[in-house]
């Protein structure tokens, strides 16, 4: 038995409103859950991107029906979205038009293309061809 897929991934941002603008408006991801001051969650295909305020997730749950352990991170994290080479070119245009600076864009040794930007929380956000991980 082994995991079949990643169901959710998390990044942390103290300014959830700015993160919601970035992921919701700039990237166009649908908000699927929101708790003011704690988190905003976005649908990404079959998975979910969790954006937490790091200070809020250090507070133990007061709900005995949802005893989620404390968790969180400080400093920049990383998330990568799958995109074709053509889509990466489109993302470059869309992100630049939204005032988001391109941090890096290059081809990996296997020929896969990646584009990197930073979200409002300082997290590294990558768009890459899925063949990046082909052997």
C-alpha atoms as a PDB file:
ATOM      1  CA  UNK A   1       0.000   0.000   0.000  1.00  0.00           C
ATOM      2  CA  UNK A   2       1.277   3.503  -0.856  1.00  0.00           C
ATOM      3  CA  UNK A   3      -0.244   6.971  -1.325  1.00  0.00           C
ATOM      4  CA  UNK A   4      -1.833   7.518  -4.769  1.00  0.00           C
ATOM      5  CA  UNK A   5      -1.786  11.294  -4.898  1.00  0.00           C
ATOM      6  CA  UNK A   6      -1.302  14.450  -2.884  1.00  0.00           C
ATOM      7  CA  UNK A   7      -4.723  15.582  -1.719  1.00  0.00           C
ATOM      8  CA  UNK A   8      -3.672  18.931  -0.305  1.00  0.00           C
ATOM      9  CA  UNK A   9      -0.591  21.101  -0.021  1.00  0.00           C
ATOM     10  CA  UNK A  10      -0.077  24.088   2.249  1.00  0.00           C
ATOM     11  CA  UNK A  11       1.733  27.395   2.114  1.00  0.00           C
ATOM     12  CA  UNK A  12       1.702  30.096   4.765  1.00  0.00           C
ATOM     13  CA  UNK A  13       1.020  33.819   4.448  1.00  0.00           C
ATOM     14  CA  UNK A  14       0.329  36.330   7.200  1.00  0.00           C
ATOM     15  CA  UNK A  15      -1.652  38.565   4.784  1.00  0.00           C
ATOM     16  CA  UNK A  16      -4.497  36.264   3.778  1.00  0.00           C
ATOM     17  CA  UNK A  17      -6.321  39.007   1.855  1.00  0.00           C
ATOM     18  CA  UNK A  18      -3.295  39.545  -0.396  1.00  0.00           C
ATOM     19  CA  UNK A  19      -2.880  35.788  -0.799  1.00  0.00           C
ATOM     20  CA  UNK A  20      -6.533  35.494  -1.793  1.00  0.00           C
ATOM     21  CA  UNK A  21      -6.093  38.164  -4.452  1.00  0.00           C
ATOM     22  CA  UNK A  22      -2.993  36.391  -5.806  1.00  0.00           C
ATOM     23  CA  UNK A  23      -4.356  32.843  -5.887  1.00  0.00           C
ATOM     24  CA  UNK A  24      -8.010  33.709  -6.475  1.00  0.00           C
ATOM     25  CA  UNK A  25      -7.877  36.675  -8.848  1.00  0.00           C
ATOM     26  CA  UNK A  26      -4.447  36.528 -10.497  1.00  0.00           C
ATOM     27  CA  UNK A  27      -4.256  32.725 -10.813  1.00  0.00           C
ATOM     28  CA  UNK A  28      -8.020  32.239 -11.064  1.00  0.00           C
ATOM     29  CA  UNK A  29      -8.313  29.458  -8.478  1.00  0.00           C
ATOM     30  CA  UNK A  30     -11.741  29.052  -6.873  1.00  0.00           C
ATOM     31  CA  UNK A  31     -12.014  29.657  -3.134  1.00  0.00           C
ATOM     32  CA  UNK A  32     -13.560  26.563  -1.560  1.00  0.00           C
ATOM     33  CA  UNK A  33     -13.252  27.518   2.137  1.00  0.00           C
ATOM     34  CA  UNK A  34     -12.325  30.553   4.177  1.00  0.00           C
ATOM     35  CA  UNK A  35     -12.063  31.338   7.894  1.00  0.00           C
ATOM     36  CA  UNK A  36     -11.193  34.988   8.454  1.00  0.00           C
ATOM     37  CA  UNK A  37      -7.795  35.395  10.078  1.00  0.00           C
ATOM     38  CA  UNK A  38      -6.960  31.687   9.821  1.00  0.00           C
ATOM     39  CA  UNK A  39      -7.037  30.321   6.284  1.00  0.00           C
ATOM     40  CA  UNK A  40      -8.286  30.405   2.715  1.00  0.00           C
ATOM     41  CA  UNK A  41      -8.420  27.207   0.648  1.00  0.00           C
ATOM     42  CA  UNK A  42      -8.437  26.927  -3.151  1.00  0.00           C
ATOM     43  CA  UNK A  43      -9.467  24.149  -5.500  1.00  0.00           C
ATOM     44  CA  UNK A  44      -6.724  23.003  -7.890  1.00  0.00           C
ATOM     45  CA  UNK A  45      -7.951  20.203 -10.131  1.00  0.00           C
ATOM     46  CA  UNK A  46      -8.577  17.202  -7.886  1.00  0.00           C
ATOM     47  CA  UNK A  47      -6.479  18.711  -5.082  1.00  0.00           C
ATOM     48  CA  UNK A  48      -6.585  21.629  -2.684  1.00  0.00           C
ATOM     49  CA  UNK A  49      -4.108  24.409  -1.961  1.00  0.00           C
ATOM     50  CA  UNK A  50      -4.308  25.448   1.692  1.00  0.00           C
ATOM     51  CA  UNK A  51      -3.111  28.956   2.557  1.00  0.00           C
ATOM     52  CA  UNK A  52      -2.807  29.437   6.313  1.00  0.00           C
ATOM     53  CA  UNK A  53      -1.868  32.354   8.502  1.00  0.00           C
ATOM     54  CA  UNK A  54       1.111  30.754  10.290  1.00  0.00           C
ATOM     55  CA  UNK A  55       0.301  32.358  13.658  1.00  0.00           C
ATOM     56  CA  UNK A  56      -3.283  31.076  13.591  1.00  0.00           C
ATOM     57  CA  UNK A  57      -2.306  27.445  12.931  1.00  0.00           C
ATOM     58  CA  UNK A  58      -0.035  27.456  15.995  1.00  0.00           C
ATOM     59  CA  UNK A  59      -3.143  27.834  18.194  1.00  0.00           C
ATOM     60  CA  UNK A  60      -4.636  24.496  19.299  1.00  0.00           C
ATOM     61  CA  UNK A  61      -8.133  23.675  18.053  1.00  0.00           C
ATOM     62  CA  UNK A  62     -10.894  24.533  20.505  1.00  0.00           C
ATOM     63  CA  UNK A  63     -13.330  22.231  18.688  1.00  0.00           C
ATOM     64  CA  UNK A  64     -13.296  18.701  20.176  1.00  0.00           C
ATOM     65  CA  UNK A  65     -15.009  17.373  17.030  1.00  0.00           C
ATOM     66  CA  UNK A  66     -12.074  18.586  14.865  1.00  0.00           C
ATOM     67  CA  UNK A  67      -8.921  17.938  16.900  1.00  0.00           C
ATOM     68  CA  UNK A  68      -6.548  19.009  14.121  1.00  0.00           C
ATOM     69  CA  UNK A  69      -3.009  19.164  15.542  1.00  0.00           C
ATOM     70  CA  UNK A  70      -1.212  22.498  15.496  1.00  0.00           C
ATOM     71  CA  UNK A  71       1.036  22.959  12.500  1.00  0.00           C
ATOM     72  CA  UNK A  72       2.590  25.673  10.475  1.00  0.00           C
ATOM     73  CA  UNK A  73       5.764  27.006   9.015  1.00  0.00           C
ATOM     74  CA  UNK A  74       7.709  30.234   8.984  1.00  0.00           C
ATOM     75  CA  UNK A  75       9.583  31.464   5.969  1.00  0.00           C
ATOM     76  CA  UNK A  76       8.983  30.807   2.308  1.00  0.00           C
ATOM     77  CA  UNK A  77       7.509  27.533   1.136  1.00  0.00           C
ATOM     78  CA  UNK A  78       7.054  26.204  -2.367  1.00  0.00           C
ATOM     79  CA  UNK A  79       4.217  25.046  -4.582  1.00  0.00           C
ATOM     80  CA  UNK A  80       4.377  24.021  -8.238  1.00  0.00           C
ATOM     81  CA  UNK A  81       1.475  24.025 -10.707  1.00  0.00           C
ATOM     82  CA  UNK A  82       1.549  21.776 -13.773  1.00  0.00           C
ATOM     83  CA  UNK A  83       1.474  23.672 -17.067  1.00  0.00           C
ATOM     84  CA  UNK A  84       2.415  23.035 -20.675  1.00  0.00           C
ATOM     85  CA  UNK A  85       5.171  25.109 -22.304  1.00  0.00           C
ATOM     86  CA  UNK A  86       2.469  27.149 -24.074  1.00  0.00           C
ATOM     87  CA  UNK A  87       0.586  27.669 -20.818  1.00  0.00           C
ATOM     88  CA  UNK A  88       3.796  28.797 -19.112  1.00  0.00           C
ATOM     89  CA  UNK A  89       4.169  31.496 -21.784  1.00  0.00           C
ATOM     90  CA  UNK A  90       0.574  32.531 -21.073  1.00  0.00           C
ATOM     91  CA  UNK A  91       1.225  32.588 -17.327  1.00  0.00           C
ATOM     92  CA  UNK A  92       4.286  34.808 -17.903  1.00  0.00           C
ATOM     93  CA  UNK A  93       2.096  37.323 -19.752  1.00  0.00           C
ATOM     94  CA  UNK A  94      -0.750  37.147 -17.225  1.00  0.00           C
ATOM     95  CA  UNK A  95       1.519  37.462 -14.191  1.00  0.00           C
ATOM     96  CA  UNK A  96       3.532  40.303 -15.697  1.00  0.00           C
ATOM     97  CA  UNK A  97       0.312  42.152 -16.595  1.00  0.00           C
ATOM     98  CA  UNK A  98      -0.792  41.762 -12.956  1.00  0.00           C
ATOM     99  CA  UNK A  99       2.469  43.307 -11.747  1.00  0.00           C
ATOM    100  CA  UNK A 100       3.942  40.042 -10.481  1.00  0.00           C
ATOM    101  CA  UNK A 101       7.692  39.890 -11.096  1.00  0.00           C
ATOM    102  CA  UNK A 102       9.175  36.836 -12.762  1.00  0.00           C
ATOM    103  CA  UNK A 103      11.900  35.481 -10.498  1.00  0.00           C
ATOM    104  CA  UNK A 104      13.267  32.854 -12.888  1.00  0.00           C
ATOM    105  CA  UNK A 105      12.367  31.050 -16.109  1.00  0.00           C
ATOM    106  CA  UNK A 106      14.486  28.335 -17.663  1.00  0.00           C
ATOM    107  CA  UNK A 107      14.680  24.848 -19.147  1.00  0.00           C
ATOM    108  CA  UNK A 108      15.834  21.990 -16.922  1.00  0.00           C
ATOM    109  CA  UNK A 109      18.482  19.528 -18.225  1.00  0.00           C
ATOM    110  CA  UNK A 110      15.699  17.197 -19.421  1.00  0.00           C
ATOM    111  CA  UNK A 111      14.149  20.065 -21.442  1.00  0.00           C
ATOM    112  CA  UNK A 112      11.188  20.771 -19.143  1.00  0.00           C
ATOM    113  CA  UNK A 113      10.341  24.463 -18.720  1.00  0.00           C
ATOM    114  CA  UNK A 114       9.801  26.174 -15.345  1.00  0.00           C
ATOM    115  CA  UNK A 115       8.710  29.686 -14.400  1.00  0.00           C
ATOM    116  CA  UNK A 116       9.008  31.006 -10.831  1.00  0.00           C
ATOM    117  CA  UNK A 117       7.323  33.926  -9.048  1.00  0.00           C
ATOM    118  CA  UNK A 118       6.704  34.869  -5.400  1.00  0.00           C
ATOM    119  CA  UNK A 119       3.270  35.096  -3.815  1.00  0.00           C
ATOM    120  CA  UNK A 120       2.450  37.883  -1.306  1.00  0.00           C
ATOM    121  CA  UNK A 121       3.652  35.649   1.546  1.00  0.00           C
ATOM    122  CA  UNK A 122       7.071  35.218  -0.080  1.00  0.00           C
ATOM    123  CA  UNK A 123       6.388  31.630  -1.101  1.00  0.00           C
ATOM    124  CA  UNK A 124       8.034  30.323  -4.258  1.00  0.00           C
ATOM    125  CA  UNK A 125       5.331  29.591  -6.839  1.00  0.00           C
ATOM    126  CA  UNK A 126       6.404  27.542  -9.840  1.00  0.00           C
ATOM    127  CA  UNK A 127       4.671  26.639 -13.096  1.00  0.00           C
ATOM    128  CA  UNK A 128       6.363  23.645 -14.726  1.00  0.00           C
ATOM    129  CA  UNK A 129       5.886  21.091 -17.428  1.00  0.00           C
ATOM    130  CA  UNK A 130       4.938  17.782 -15.782  1.00  0.00           C
ATOM    131  CA  UNK A 131       7.727  16.043 -17.700  1.00  0.00           C
ATOM    132  CA  UNK A 132      10.088  17.785 -15.260  1.00  0.00           C
ATOM    133  CA  UNK A 133       9.879  14.573 -13.216  1.00  0.00           C
ATOM    134  CA  UNK A 134      10.197  12.116 -16.115  1.00  0.00           C
ATOM    135  CA  UNK A 135      13.150   9.794 -15.669  1.00  0.00           C
END
